[in-house]
C-alpha atoms as a PDB file:
ATOM      1  CA  MET A   1      15.004  -4.853  89.356  1.00  0.00           C
ATOM      2  CA  LYS A   2      13.477  -4.376  86.019  1.00  0.00           C
ATOM      3  CA  VAL A   3      13.149  -0.513  85.031  1.00  0.00           C
ATOM      4  CA  ILE A   4      11.705   0.999  82.013  1.00  0.00           C
ATOM      5  CA  ILE A   5      13.208   4.249  80.513  1.00  0.00           C
ATOM      6  CA  ASP A   6      11.390   6.461  77.835  1.00  0.00           C
ATOM      7  CA  VAL A   7      14.585   8.436  76.124  1.00  0.00           C
ATOM      8  CA  LYS A   8      14.369  10.609  73.127  1.00  0.00           C
ATOM      9  CA  ASP A   9      15.264   8.656  70.175  1.00  0.00           C
ATOM     10  CA  SER A  10      18.046  11.430  69.267  1.00  0.00           C
ATOM     11  CA  LYS A  11      19.794  10.211  72.669  1.00  0.00           C
ATOM     12  CA  ALA A  12      19.070   6.823  72.814  1.00  0.00           C
ATOM     13  CA  ALA A  13      22.284   5.497  71.500  1.00  0.00           C
ATOM     14  CA  PHE A  14      24.066   7.598  74.231  1.00  0.00           C
ATOM     15  CA  VAL A  15      22.012   6.078  77.231  1.00  0.00           C
ATOM     16  CA  MET A  16      22.527   2.828  75.568  1.00  0.00           C
ATOM     17  CA  GLU A  17      26.369   2.883  75.443  1.00  0.00           C
ATOM     18  CA  LEU A  18      26.150   4.501  79.083  1.00  0.00           C
ATOM     19  CA  LEU A  19      24.261   1.362  80.538  1.00  0.00           C
ATOM     20  CA  SER A  20      26.195  -0.856  78.491  1.00  0.00           C
ATOM     21  CA  ASN A  21      29.129   0.096  80.223  1.00  0.00           C
ATOM     22  CA  LEU A  22      27.890  -0.572  83.803  1.00  0.00           C
ATOM     23  CA  SER A  23      28.666  -3.974  84.550  1.00  0.00           C
ATOM     24  CA  PHE A  24      25.784  -4.309  86.910  1.00  0.00           C
ATOM     25  CA  VAL A  25      23.336  -3.048  84.139  1.00  0.00           C
ATOM     26  CA  LYS A  26      21.836  -5.779  81.323  1.00  0.00           C
ATOM     27  CA  ALA A  27      19.975  -3.274  79.149  1.00  0.00           C
ATOM     28  CA  ARG A  28      18.190  -4.003  75.753  1.00  0.00           C
ATOM     29  CA  PRO A  29      15.802  -2.079  73.609  1.00  0.00           C
ATOM     30  CA  LEU A  30      12.226  -3.202  73.412  1.00  0.00           C
ATOM     31  CA  SER A  31      10.714  -3.755  70.189  1.00  0.00           C
ATOM     32  CA  ASP A  32       7.609  -2.152  68.901  1.00  0.00           C
ATOM     33  CA  GLU A  33       5.582  -5.101  69.967  1.00  0.00           C
ATOM     34  CA  ASP A  34       6.823  -5.039  73.368  1.00  0.00           C
ATOM     35  CA  ILE A  35       6.083  -1.553  73.701  1.00  0.00           C
ATOM     36  CA  ILE A  36       2.445  -1.807  72.771  1.00  0.00           C
ATOM     37  CA  LEU A  37       2.098  -4.940  74.575  1.00  0.00           C
ATOM     38  CA  VAL A  38       3.629  -2.900  77.915  1.00  0.00           C
ATOM     39  CA  ASP A  39       1.116  -0.087  77.053  1.00  0.00           C
ATOM     40  CA  GLU A  40      -1.590  -2.342  76.994  1.00  0.00           C
ATOM     41  CA  ILE A  41      -1.090  -4.216  80.338  1.00  0.00           C
ATOM     42  CA  LYS A  42      -0.803  -0.690  81.814  1.00  0.00           C
ATOM     43  CA  GLU A  43      -4.221   0.845  80.409  1.00  0.00           C
ATOM     44  CA  ALA A  44      -5.577  -2.504  81.752  1.00  0.00           C
ATOM     45  CA  VAL A  45      -3.945  -2.371  85.405  1.00  0.00           C
ATOM     46  CA  GLU A  46      -5.539   1.154  85.323  1.00  0.00           C
ATOM     47  CA  ASP A  47      -8.810   0.057  84.470  1.00  0.00           C
ATOM     48  CA  LEU A  48      -9.100  -2.597  87.049  1.00  0.00           C
ATOM     49  CA  LYS A  49      -7.942  -0.020  89.810  1.00  0.00           C
ATOM     50  CA  LEU A  50     -11.205   2.069  88.543  1.00  0.00           C
ATOM     51  CA  ILE A  51     -13.332  -0.868  88.758  1.00  0.00           C
ATOM     52  CA  ARG A  52     -12.180  -1.793  91.947  1.00  0.00           C
ATOM     53  CA  LYS A  53     -12.626   1.810  93.357  1.00  0.00           C
ATOM     54  CA  GLY A  54     -16.376   1.552  91.660  1.00  0.00           C
ATOM     55  CA  LYS A  55     -15.492   4.517  89.073  1.00  0.00           C
ATOM     56  CA  LEU A  56     -15.746   1.626  86.109  1.00  0.00           C
ATOM     57  CA  GLU A  57     -18.118  -0.882  85.475  1.00  0.00           C
ATOM     58  CA  ALA A  58     -16.949  -4.222  84.933  1.00  0.00           C
ATOM     59  CA  SER A  59     -17.857  -6.349  81.911  1.00  0.00           C
ATOM     60  CA  PRO A  60     -19.311 -10.065  82.615  1.00  0.00           C
ATOM     61  CA  ALA A  61     -17.017 -12.802  81.891  1.00  0.00           C
ATOM     62  CA  ARG A  62     -19.347 -14.193  79.342  1.00  0.00           C
ATOM     63  CA  ASP A  63     -19.304 -10.948  77.267  1.00  0.00           C
ATOM     64  CA  LEU A  64     -15.478 -11.562  76.962  1.00  0.00           C
ATOM     65  CA  ILE A  65     -15.561 -15.036  75.978  1.00  0.00           C
ATOM     66  CA  ASP A  66     -18.292 -13.751  73.450  1.00  0.00           C
ATOM     67  CA  GLU A  67     -15.856 -11.229  71.757  1.00  0.00           C
ATOM     68  CA  LEU A  68     -13.472 -14.340  71.115  1.00  0.00           C
END
């Protein structure tokens, strides 16, 4: 299982040390790019949920392709 934990910068070293001492846990910090990607994916999933509920209008695929 993969879990993302948001920790205050001042406590990050402590938490990483704690996790590294658990033999069954592999922990690594995320890069800034990884954090941006995760946030964008979360936003896209939330938008998709709203579209499926009819609370947000979807864009036609052609519009998305034209943006590229």
